[in-house]
Amino acid sequence: MRFKLIVVTVKKDLTEKVIDTAKEAGATGATIIPGRGIGGEDRKTFFGLTIEGPTDVVLFLVEEHCVRRIFEAFEKHCNIREPGVGMALTLPVDEVVGIADQIDKFKDQARDQYL
């Protein structure tokens, strides 16, 4: 099996929508890391203090064949291409341990897609 790590940075109020969208498109779970981000848009200030909205980094470990379907779902349902919404990227995964309980789900997904 070949895996990819999908990394999504998104405004906190969209986190649940991103997770639900990815799960409907084939992701089996997610890890959420709270964060802050600075994008290309102008940052708002109030009396010299920079106001930044909370951001989440959402990680999805998925079978390689699911990536395109999940990204298309992000574009369709989460408006991920719109400025200021967030971004999504993939990273290669060379080795994985600790996911034995999810391997059957990955196998079922692969079988369903190719048969």
N, C-alpha and C. Protein backbone atom coordinates (compact mmCIF):
# COMPACT_ATOMS: atom_id res chain seq x y z
N MET A 1 0.84 -1.18 0.00
CA MET A 1 0.00 0.00 0.00
C MET A 1 0.88 1.24 0.00
N ARG A 2 0.40 2.25 -0.72
CA ARG A 2 1.09 3.53 -0.75
C ARG A 2 0.21 4.58 -0.10
N PHE A 3 0.83 5.34 0.78
CA PHE A 3 0.08 6.35 1.52
C PHE A 3 0.59 7.75 1.20
N LYS A 4 -0.30 8.71 1.38
CA LYS A 4 0.02 10.13 1.30
C LYS A 4 -0.52 10.78 2.56
N LEU A 5 0.14 11.82 2.99
CA LEU A 5 -0.35 12.63 4.09
C LEU A 5 -0.94 13.90 3.49
N ILE A 6 -2.23 14.09 3.67
CA ILE A 6 -2.86 15.33 3.24
C ILE A 6 -2.80 16.29 4.42
N VAL A 7 -2.26 17.48 4.16
CA VAL A 7 -2.15 18.52 5.17
C VAL A 7 -3.06 19.67 4.75
N VAL A 8 -3.99 20.02 5.60
CA VAL A 8 -4.92 21.12 5.30
C VAL A 8 -4.79 22.16 6.40
N THR A 9 -4.57 23.40 6.01
CA THR A 9 -4.64 24.50 6.97
C THR A 9 -5.92 25.26 6.64
N VAL A 10 -6.73 25.48 7.66
CA VAL A 10 -8.04 26.08 7.43
C VAL A 10 -8.47 26.87 8.65
N LYS A 11 -9.30 27.87 8.43
CA LYS A 11 -9.84 28.63 9.56
C LYS A 11 -10.62 27.68 10.46
N LYS A 12 -10.51 27.92 11.75
CA LYS A 12 -11.07 27.02 12.76
C LYS A 12 -12.56 26.72 12.54
N ASP A 13 -13.32 27.69 12.06
CA ASP A 13 -14.75 27.47 11.88
C ASP A 13 -15.07 26.54 10.71
N LEU A 14 -14.08 26.22 9.88
CA LEU A 14 -14.29 25.30 8.76
C LEU A 14 -13.71 23.91 9.01
N THR A 15 -13.09 23.70 10.15
CA THR A 15 -12.41 22.43 10.42
C THR A 15 -13.36 21.24 10.32
N GLU A 16 -14.49 21.31 10.97
CA GLU A 16 -15.43 20.17 10.94
C GLU A 16 -15.92 19.89 9.53
N LYS A 17 -16.16 20.94 8.76
CA LYS A 17 -16.61 20.75 7.37
C LYS A 17 -15.53 20.05 6.55
N VAL A 18 -14.28 20.45 6.74
CA VAL A 18 -13.16 19.81 6.03
C VAL A 18 -13.07 18.33 6.41
N ILE A 19 -13.19 18.03 7.69
CA ILE A 19 -13.11 16.63 8.15
C ILE A 19 -14.27 15.82 7.59
N ASP A 20 -15.48 16.34 7.68
CA ASP A 20 -16.64 15.62 7.16
C ASP A 20 -16.53 15.39 5.66
N THR A 21 -16.06 16.41 4.94
CA THR A 21 -15.90 16.30 3.49
C THR A 21 -14.88 15.23 3.14
N ALA A 22 -13.74 15.23 3.84
CA ALA A 22 -12.70 14.24 3.57
C ALA A 22 -13.18 12.83 3.89
N LYS A 23 -13.91 12.67 4.98
CA LYS A 23 -14.42 11.34 5.33
C LYS A 23 -15.41 10.83 4.29
N GLU A 24 -16.29 11.71 3.81
CA GLU A 24 -17.23 11.31 2.78
C GLU A 24 -16.52 10.91 1.49
N ALA A 25 -15.33 11.48 1.26
CA ALA A 25 -14.56 11.19 0.05
C ALA A 25 -13.55 10.06 0.24
N GLY A 26 -13.49 9.45 1.45
CA GLY A 26 -12.63 8.29 1.62
C GLY A 26 -11.64 8.31 2.75
N ALA A 27 -11.45 9.44 3.42
CA ALA A 27 -10.53 9.47 4.56
C ALA A 27 -11.14 8.68 5.72
N THR A 28 -10.29 8.04 6.50
CA THR A 28 -10.79 7.21 7.60
C THR A 28 -10.63 7.88 8.97
N GLY A 29 -9.92 8.98 9.04
CA GLY A 29 -9.72 9.67 10.30
C GLY A 29 -8.90 10.92 10.08
N ALA A 30 -8.68 11.68 11.13
CA ALA A 30 -7.94 12.93 11.02
C ALA A 30 -7.25 13.25 12.34
N THR A 31 -6.19 14.03 12.24
CA THR A 31 -5.52 14.59 13.41
C THR A 31 -5.60 16.10 13.27
N ILE A 32 -6.02 16.78 14.32
CA ILE A 32 -6.20 18.23 14.29
C ILE A 32 -5.17 18.88 15.21
N ILE A 33 -4.44 19.84 14.66
CA ILE A 33 -3.43 20.58 15.42
C ILE A 33 -3.81 22.06 15.39
N PRO A 34 -4.05 22.68 16.54
CA PRO A 34 -4.36 24.11 16.55
C PRO A 34 -3.14 24.92 16.13
N GLY A 35 -3.38 26.02 15.43
CA GLY A 35 -2.26 26.84 15.00
C GLY A 35 -2.67 28.27 14.70
N ARG A 36 -1.72 29.01 14.19
CA ARG A 36 -1.94 30.37 13.71
C ARG A 36 -1.24 30.48 12.38
N GLY A 37 -1.77 31.30 11.51
CA GLY A 37 -1.15 31.42 10.21
C GLY A 37 -1.18 32.85 9.70
N ILE A 38 -0.26 33.13 8.81
CA ILE A 38 -0.21 34.42 8.14
C ILE A 38 -0.26 34.13 6.66
N GLY A 39 -1.32 34.58 6.01
CA GLY A 39 -1.47 34.35 4.58
C GLY A 39 -1.09 35.59 3.79
N GLY A 40 -1.46 35.58 2.53
CA GLY A 40 -1.14 36.69 1.66
C GLY A 40 -2.00 37.93 1.90
N GLU A 41 -3.16 37.74 2.55
CA GLU A 41 -4.05 38.88 2.77
C GLU A 41 -3.49 39.79 3.85
N ASP A 42 -3.97 41.02 3.84
CA ASP A 42 -3.54 41.98 4.86
C ASP A 42 -4.04 41.54 6.23
N ARG A 43 -3.18 41.65 7.20
CA ARG A 43 -3.57 41.30 8.57
C ARG A 43 -4.26 42.50 9.20
N LYS A 44 -5.25 42.24 10.03
CA LYS A 44 -5.99 43.31 10.69
C LYS A 44 -5.28 43.67 11.99
N THR A 45 -5.27 44.97 12.28
CA THR A 45 -4.69 45.42 13.54
C THR A 45 -5.71 46.26 14.29
N PHE A 46 -5.57 46.25 15.59
CA PHE A 46 -6.45 47.03 16.46
C PHE A 46 -5.56 47.64 17.54
N PHE A 47 -5.39 48.96 17.50
CA PHE A 47 -4.49 49.67 18.42
C PHE A 47 -3.10 49.04 18.43
N GLY A 48 -2.60 48.71 17.26
CA GLY A 48 -1.25 48.17 17.14
C GLY A 48 -1.12 46.68 17.38
N LEU A 49 -2.20 46.02 17.80
CA LEU A 49 -2.16 44.57 18.02
C LEU A 49 -2.67 43.86 16.77
N THR A 50 -1.95 42.87 16.34
CA THR A 50 -2.37 42.11 15.17
C THR A 50 -3.45 41.11 15.58
N ILE A 51 -4.52 41.11 14.81
CA ILE A 51 -5.63 40.20 15.07
C ILE A 51 -5.56 39.07 14.05
N GLU A 52 -5.35 37.88 14.52
CA GLU A 52 -5.29 36.71 13.65
C GLU A 52 -6.35 35.72 14.10
N GLY A 53 -7.12 35.23 13.16
CA GLY A 53 -8.11 34.22 13.51
C GLY A 53 -7.43 32.89 13.77
N PRO A 54 -8.05 32.08 14.59
CA PRO A 54 -7.48 30.76 14.86
C PRO A 54 -7.51 29.88 13.62
N THR A 55 -6.49 29.08 13.47
CA THR A 55 -6.33 28.18 12.33
C THR A 55 -6.11 26.77 12.86
N ASP A 56 -6.58 25.81 12.12
CA ASP A 56 -6.28 24.41 12.43
C ASP A 56 -5.48 23.80 11.30
N VAL A 57 -4.57 22.93 11.66
CA VAL A 57 -3.86 22.09 10.70
C VAL A 57 -4.48 20.71 10.85
N VAL A 58 -5.06 20.22 9.76
CA VAL A 58 -5.73 18.92 9.79
C VAL A 58 -4.93 17.95 8.94
N LEU A 59 -4.57 16.82 9.53
CA LEU A 59 -3.77 15.80 8.85
C LEU A 59 -4.62 14.58 8.56
N PHE A 60 -4.52 14.10 7.32
CA PHE A 60 -5.22 12.88 6.92
C PHE A 60 -4.20 11.92 6.32
N LEU A 61 -4.07 10.73 6.87
CA LEU A 61 -3.25 9.69 6.26
C LEU A 61 -4.18 8.86 5.39
N VAL A 62 -3.95 8.88 4.08
CA VAL A 62 -4.88 8.21 3.16
C VAL A 62 -4.11 7.35 2.17
N GLU A 63 -4.81 6.36 1.66
CA GLU A 63 -4.29 5.55 0.57
C GLU A 63 -4.14 6.48 -0.64
N GLU A 64 -3.06 6.31 -1.37
CA GLU A 64 -2.72 7.21 -2.47
C GLU A 64 -3.87 7.41 -3.46
N HIS A 65 -4.62 6.37 -3.74
CA HIS A 65 -5.69 6.48 -4.74
C HIS A 65 -6.85 7.38 -4.29
N CYS A 66 -6.92 7.74 -3.02
CA CYS A 66 -8.01 8.59 -2.51
C CYS A 66 -7.73 10.08 -2.63
N VAL A 67 -6.49 10.45 -2.87
CA VAL A 67 -6.09 11.86 -2.80
C VAL A 67 -6.88 12.73 -3.76
N ARG A 68 -6.94 12.38 -5.02
CA ARG A 68 -7.62 13.21 -6.03
C ARG A 68 -9.08 13.41 -5.66
N ARG A 69 -9.76 12.35 -5.25
CA ARG A 69 -11.18 12.44 -4.89
C ARG A 69 -11.38 13.38 -3.69
N ILE A 70 -10.49 13.30 -2.71
CA ILE A 70 -10.59 14.17 -1.52
C ILE A 70 -10.34 15.62 -1.90
N PHE A 71 -9.33 15.88 -2.73
CA PHE A 71 -9.04 17.25 -3.15
C PHE A 71 -10.20 17.83 -3.95
N GLU A 72 -10.79 17.04 -4.82
CA GLU A 72 -11.94 17.52 -5.59
C GLU A 72 -13.10 17.85 -4.65
N ALA A 73 -13.29 17.05 -3.61
CA ALA A 73 -14.34 17.32 -2.63
C ALA A 73 -14.05 18.61 -1.86
N PHE A 74 -12.78 18.85 -1.50
CA PHE A 74 -12.41 20.11 -0.84
C PHE A 74 -12.77 21.30 -1.72
N GLU A 75 -12.44 21.20 -3.01
CA GLU A 75 -12.71 22.30 -3.93
C GLU A 75 -14.21 22.53 -4.06
N LYS A 76 -14.97 21.47 -4.15
CA LYS A 76 -16.42 21.58 -4.37
C LYS A 76 -17.18 22.02 -3.12
N HIS A 77 -16.86 21.46 -1.97
CA HIS A 77 -17.66 21.68 -0.77
C HIS A 77 -17.05 22.66 0.24
N CYS A 78 -15.74 22.91 0.16
CA CYS A 78 -15.08 23.77 1.16
C CYS A 78 -14.51 25.05 0.57
N ASN A 79 -14.65 25.24 -0.74
CA ASN A 79 -14.13 26.44 -1.41
C ASN A 79 -12.65 26.69 -1.09
N ILE A 80 -11.88 25.63 -1.06
CA ILE A 80 -10.48 25.71 -0.63
C ILE A 80 -9.64 26.61 -1.55
N ARG A 81 -10.09 26.84 -2.77
CA ARG A 81 -9.34 27.70 -3.70
C ARG A 81 -9.58 29.19 -3.46
N GLU A 82 -10.58 29.52 -2.67
CA GLU A 82 -10.89 30.93 -2.41
C GLU A 82 -9.82 31.54 -1.50
N PRO A 83 -9.43 32.79 -1.77
CA PRO A 83 -8.42 33.44 -0.92
C PRO A 83 -8.87 33.52 0.53
N GLY A 84 -7.95 33.23 1.43
CA GLY A 84 -8.21 33.33 2.85
C GLY A 84 -8.92 32.15 3.48
N VAL A 85 -9.30 31.15 2.69
CA VAL A 85 -10.01 29.99 3.24
C VAL A 85 -9.03 29.01 3.84
N GLY A 86 -7.97 28.72 3.14
CA GLY A 86 -6.98 27.75 3.61
C GLY A 86 -6.22 27.18 2.44
N MET A 87 -5.53 26.09 2.70
CA MET A 87 -4.79 25.42 1.63
C MET A 87 -4.68 23.94 1.96
N ALA A 88 -4.45 23.15 0.92
CA ALA A 88 -4.27 21.71 1.11
C ALA A 88 -3.08 21.28 0.27
N LEU A 89 -2.31 20.35 0.81
CA LEU A 89 -1.16 19.81 0.09
C LEU A 89 -0.96 18.36 0.51
N THR A 90 -0.15 17.65 -0.26
CA THR A 90 0.17 16.27 0.10
C THR A 90 1.66 16.12 0.31
N LEU A 91 2.00 15.17 1.15
CA LEU A 91 3.39 14.79 1.39
C LEU A 91 3.50 13.28 1.22
N PRO A 92 4.62 12.82 0.65
CA PRO A 92 4.80 11.38 0.53
C PRO A 92 5.04 10.75 1.90
N VAL A 93 4.59 9.53 2.06
CA VAL A 93 4.79 8.78 3.30
C VAL A 93 5.56 7.52 2.94
N ASP A 94 6.76 7.38 3.48
CA ASP A 94 7.60 6.23 3.16
C ASP A 94 7.31 5.02 4.04
N GLU A 95 7.05 5.25 5.31
CA GLU A 95 6.80 4.15 6.23
C GLU A 95 5.73 4.55 7.24
N VAL A 96 4.95 3.56 7.66
CA VAL A 96 3.90 3.80 8.64
C VAL A 96 3.85 2.62 9.60
N VAL A 97 3.74 2.90 10.89
CA VAL A 97 3.46 1.86 11.88
C VAL A 97 2.32 2.37 12.75
N GLY A 98 1.60 1.45 13.37
CA GLY A 98 0.55 1.84 14.29
C GLY A 98 -0.82 2.04 13.67
N ILE A 99 -1.02 1.54 12.45
CA ILE A 99 -2.34 1.71 11.84
C ILE A 99 -2.96 0.37 11.45
N ALA A 100 -2.57 -0.67 12.13
CA ALA A 100 -3.07 -2.01 11.79
C ALA A 100 -4.59 -2.06 11.78
N ASP A 101 -5.22 -1.33 12.68
CA ASP A 101 -6.69 -1.35 12.75
C ASP A 101 -7.35 -0.68 11.56
N GLN A 102 -6.62 0.16 10.83
CA GLN A 102 -7.19 0.85 9.67
C GLN A 102 -6.87 0.17 8.34
N ILE A 103 -5.95 -0.76 8.34
CA ILE A 103 -5.53 -1.40 7.10
C ILE A 103 -6.72 -2.05 6.39
N ASP A 104 -7.61 -2.70 7.13
CA ASP A 104 -8.78 -3.33 6.50
C ASP A 104 -9.65 -2.29 5.80
N LYS A 105 -9.81 -1.12 6.40
CA LYS A 105 -10.59 -0.06 5.76
C LYS A 105 -9.93 0.38 4.46
N PHE A 106 -8.60 0.53 4.48
CA PHE A 106 -7.89 0.92 3.28
C PHE A 106 -8.03 -0.13 2.18
N LYS A 107 -7.95 -1.39 2.56
CA LYS A 107 -8.11 -2.48 1.58
C LYS A 107 -9.51 -2.47 0.98
N ASP A 108 -10.52 -2.26 1.81
CA ASP A 108 -11.90 -2.20 1.31
C ASP A 108 -12.08 -1.05 0.34
N GLN A 109 -11.50 0.11 0.66
CA GLN A 109 -11.60 1.26 -0.24
C GLN A 109 -10.95 0.97 -1.58
N ALA A 110 -9.77 0.38 -1.54
CA ALA A 110 -9.06 0.07 -2.78
C ALA A 110 -9.86 -0.93 -3.61
N ARG A 111 -10.39 -1.94 -2.97
CA ARG A 111 -11.17 -2.95 -3.68
C ARG A 111 -12.42 -2.32 -4.31
N ASP A 112 -13.11 -1.48 -3.55
CA ASP A 112 -14.33 -0.84 -4.05
C ASP A 112 -14.04 0.07 -5.24
N GLN A 113 -12.90 0.73 -5.22
CA GLN A 113 -12.59 1.66 -6.31
C GLN A 113 -12.17 0.92 -7.58
N TYR A 114 -11.46 -0.18 -7.45
CA TYR A 114 -10.90 -0.83 -8.63
C TYR A 114 -11.70 -2.02 -9.12
N LEU A 115 -12.69 -2.49 -8.37
CA LEU A 115 -13.50 -3.64 -8.81
C LEU A 115 -14.90 -3.22 -9.16
